Amino acid sequence: MKIFTIGFLSLFVTAALTAQTFAEVKVLHAREGRNAK
C-alpha cells in the first residue's frame, strides 16, 4: 500500500508540474504573438 501511495503522489506532482509548465508556455506564446504584431 505504501508503494502505491508514493506512486500516486509522484504521479500527482508530475501532473501538476506539467500543467504549470504548459500554462507558462501558453503565456509565453501569447506574449510573443503580441510582440510580433
PDB file of N, CA and C in Angstrom:
ATOM      1  N   MET A   1       0.840  -1.202   0.000  1.00  0.00           N
ATOM      2  CA  MET A   1       0.000   0.000   0.000  1.00  0.00           C
ATOM      3  C   MET A   1       0.877   1.255   0.000  1.00  0.00           C
ATOM      4  N   LYS A   2       2.012   1.193   0.713  1.00  0.00           N
ATOM      5  CA  LYS A   2       2.897   2.356   0.778  1.00  0.00           C
ATOM      6  C   LYS A   2       3.433   2.705  -0.610  1.00  0.00           C
ATOM      7  N   ILE A   3       3.831   1.670  -1.361  1.00  0.00           N
ATOM      8  CA  ILE A   3       4.389   1.898  -2.703  1.00  0.00           C
ATOM      9  C   ILE A   3       3.323   2.543  -3.587  1.00  0.00           C
ATOM     10  N   PHE A   4       2.089   2.090  -3.462  1.00  0.00           N
ATOM     11  CA  PHE A   4       1.005   2.642  -4.269  1.00  0.00           C
ATOM     12  C   PHE A   4       0.811   4.122  -3.961  1.00  0.00           C
ATOM     13  N   THR A   5       0.872   4.475  -2.670  1.00  0.00           N
ATOM     14  CA  THR A   5       0.694   5.870  -2.268  1.00  0.00           C
ATOM     15  C   THR A   5       1.805   6.749  -2.831  1.00  0.00           C
ATOM     16  N   ILE A   6       3.051   6.251  -2.732  1.00  0.00           N
ATOM     17  CA  ILE A   6       4.191   7.010  -3.247  1.00  0.00           C
ATOM     18  C   ILE A   6       4.049   7.191  -4.766  1.00  0.00           C
ATOM     19  N   GLY A   7       3.653   6.137  -5.456  1.00  0.00           N
ATOM     20  CA  GLY A   7       3.481   6.210  -6.908  1.00  0.00           C
ATOM     21  C   GLY A   7       2.403   7.215  -7.273  1.00  0.00           C
ATOM     22  N   PHE A   8       1.301   7.210  -6.506  1.00  0.00           N
ATOM     23  CA  PHE A   8       0.195   8.134  -6.774  1.00  0.00           C
ATOM     24  C   PHE A   8       0.640   9.576  -6.540  1.00  0.00           C
ATOM     25  N   LEU A   9       1.404   9.794  -5.447  1.00  0.00           N
ATOM     26  CA  LEU A   9       1.875  11.149  -5.142  1.00  0.00           C
ATOM     27  C   LEU A   9       2.823  11.647  -6.222  1.00  0.00           C
ATOM     28  N   SER A  10       3.759  10.793  -6.649  1.00  0.00           N
ATOM     29  CA  SER A  10       4.709  11.199  -7.682  1.00  0.00           C
ATOM     30  C   SER A  10       3.967  11.507  -8.975  1.00  0.00           C
ATOM     31  N   LEU A  11       2.946  10.721  -9.283  1.00  0.00           N
ATOM     32  CA  LEU A  11       2.152  10.947 -10.488  1.00  0.00           C
ATOM     33  C   LEU A  11       1.421  12.289 -10.387  1.00  0.00           C
ATOM     34  N   PHE A  12       0.869  12.583  -9.205  1.00  0.00           N
ATOM     35  CA  PHE A  12       0.149  13.843  -8.987  1.00  0.00           C
ATOM     36  C   PHE A  12       1.092  15.033  -9.139  1.00  0.00           C
ATOM     37  N   VAL A  13       2.307  14.917  -8.565  1.00  0.00           N
ATOM     38  CA  VAL A  13       3.289  16.002  -8.658  1.00  0.00           C
ATOM     39  C   VAL A  13       3.697  16.208 -10.112  1.00  0.00           C
ATOM     40  N   THR A  14       3.921  15.126 -10.831  1.00  0.00           N
ATOM     41  CA  THR A  14       4.304  15.230 -12.248  1.00  0.00           C
ATOM     42  C   THR A  14       3.200  15.919 -13.044  1.00  0.00           C
ATOM     43  N   ALA A  15       1.950  15.543 -12.779  1.00  0.00           N
ATOM     44  CA  ALA A  15       0.829  16.154 -13.492  1.00  0.00           C
ATOM     45  C   ALA A  15       0.739  17.648 -13.175  1.00  0.00           C
ATOM     46  N   ALA A  16       0.955  18.013 -11.913  1.00  0.00           N
ATOM     47  CA  ALA A  16       0.886  19.423 -11.517  1.00  0.00           C
ATOM     48  C   ALA A  16       1.994  20.223 -12.202  1.00  0.00           C
ATOM     49  N   LEU A  17       3.212  19.667 -12.216  1.00  0.00           N
ATOM     50  CA  LEU A  17       4.333  20.364 -12.858  1.00  0.00           C
ATOM     51  C   LEU A  17       4.086  20.500 -14.355  1.00  0.00           C
ATOM     52  N   THR A  18       3.547  19.460 -14.975  1.00  0.00           N
ATOM     53  CA  THR A  18       3.258  19.508 -16.413  1.00  0.00           C
ATOM     54  C   THR A  18       2.230  20.590 -16.708  1.00  0.00           C
ATOM     55  N   ALA A  19       1.191  20.666 -15.883  1.00  0.00           N
ATOM     56  CA  ALA A  19       0.148  21.677 -16.085  1.00  0.00           C
ATOM     57  C   ALA A  19       0.730  23.077 -15.925  1.00  0.00           C
ATOM     58  N   GLN A  20       1.592  23.253 -14.913  1.00  0.00           N
ATOM     59  CA  GLN A  20       2.198  24.562 -14.670  1.00  0.00           C
ATOM     60  C   GLN A  20       3.080  24.955 -15.854  1.00  0.00           C
ATOM     61  N   THR A  21       3.893  24.022 -16.330  1.00  0.00           N
ATOM     62  CA  THR A  21       4.781  24.292 -17.465  1.00  0.00           C
ATOM     63  C   THR A  21       3.953  24.628 -18.698  1.00  0.00           C
ATOM     64  N   PHE A  22       2.872  23.874 -18.925  1.00  0.00           N
ATOM     65  CA  PHE A  22       2.013  24.108 -20.086  1.00  0.00           C
ATOM     66  C   PHE A  22       1.410  25.512 -20.026  1.00  0.00           C
ATOM     67  N   ALA A  23       0.979  25.929 -18.824  1.00  0.00           N
ATOM     68  CA  ALA A  23       0.391  27.260 -18.661  1.00  0.00           C
ATOM     69  C   ALA A  23       1.434  28.333 -18.930  1.00  0.00           C
ATOM     70  N   GLU A  24       2.654  28.134 -18.432  1.00  0.00           N
ATOM     71  CA  GLU A  24       3.713  29.128 -18.640  1.00  0.00           C
ATOM     72  C   GLU A  24       4.060  29.236 -20.123  1.00  0.00           C
ATOM     73  N   VAL A  25       4.135  28.106 -20.800  1.00  0.00           N
ATOM     74  CA  VAL A  25       4.440  28.112 -22.241  1.00  0.00           C
ATOM     75  C   VAL A  25       3.337  28.846 -22.991  1.00  0.00           C
ATOM     76  N   LYS A  26       2.095  28.616 -22.593  1.00  0.00           N
ATOM     77  CA  LYS A  26       0.957  29.275 -23.237  1.00  0.00           C
ATOM     78  C   LYS A  26       1.079  30.791 -23.082  1.00  0.00           C
ATOM     79  N   VAL A  27       1.431  31.245 -21.880  1.00  0.00           N
ATOM     80  CA  VAL A  27       1.577  32.680 -21.622  1.00  0.00           C
ATOM     81  C   VAL A  27       2.714  33.248 -22.462  1.00  0.00           C
ATOM     82  N   LEU A  28       3.833  32.509 -22.531  1.00  0.00           N
ATOM     83  CA  LEU A  28       4.980  32.985 -23.321  1.00  0.00           C
ATOM     84  C   LEU A  28       4.586  33.109 -24.787  1.00  0.00           C
ATOM     85  N   HIS A  29       3.862  32.121 -25.310  1.00  0.00           N
ATOM     86  CA  HIS A  29       3.442  32.169 -26.714  1.00  0.00           C
ATOM     87  C   HIS A  29       2.510  33.355 -26.933  1.00  0.00           C
ATOM     88  N   ALA A  30       1.634  33.622 -25.971  1.00  0.00           N
ATOM     89  CA  ALA A  30       0.708  34.749 -26.105  1.00  0.00           C
ATOM     90  C   ALA A  30       1.487  36.062 -26.155  1.00  0.00           C
ATOM     91  N   ARG A  31       2.506  36.200 -25.300  1.00  0.00           N
ATOM     92  CA  ARG A  31       3.319  37.424 -25.285  1.00  0.00           C
ATOM     93  C   ARG A  31       4.067  37.578 -26.605  1.00  0.00           C
ATOM     94  N   GLU A  32       4.638  36.481 -27.104  1.00  0.00           N
ATOM     95  CA  GLU A  32       5.382  36.540 -28.364  1.00  0.00           C
ATOM     96  C   GLU A  32       4.445  36.929 -29.499  1.00  0.00           C
ATOM     97  N   GLY A  33       3.223  36.413 -29.471  1.00  0.00           N
ATOM     98  CA  GLY A  33       2.244  36.733 -30.508  1.00  0.00           C
ATOM     99  C   GLY A  33       1.935  38.222 -30.507  1.00  0.00           C
ATOM    100  N   ARG A  34       1.800  38.803 -29.325  1.00  0.00           N
ATOM    101  CA  ARG A  34       1.504  40.242 -29.227  1.00  0.00           C
ATOM    102  C   ARG A  34       2.693  41.063 -29.715  1.00  0.00           C
ATOM    103  N   ASN A  35       3.900  40.627 -29.348  1.00  0.00           N
ATOM    104  CA  ASN A  35       5.103  41.372 -29.750  1.00  0.00           C
ATOM    105  C   ASN A  35       5.291  41.299 -31.259  1.00  0.00           C
ATOM    106  N   ALA A  36       4.934  40.174 -31.870  1.00  0.00           N
ATOM    107  CA  ALA A  36       5.103  40.010 -33.313  1.00  0.00           C
ATOM    108  C   ALA A  36       4.226  41.016 -34.061  1.00  0.00           C
ATOM    109  N   LYS A  37       3.028  41.256 -33.524  1.00  0.00           N
ATOM    110  CA  LYS A  37       2.115  42.201 -34.170  1.00  0.00           C
ATOM    111  C   LYS A  37       2.587  43.609 -33.864  1.00  0.00           C
TER     112      LYS A  37
END
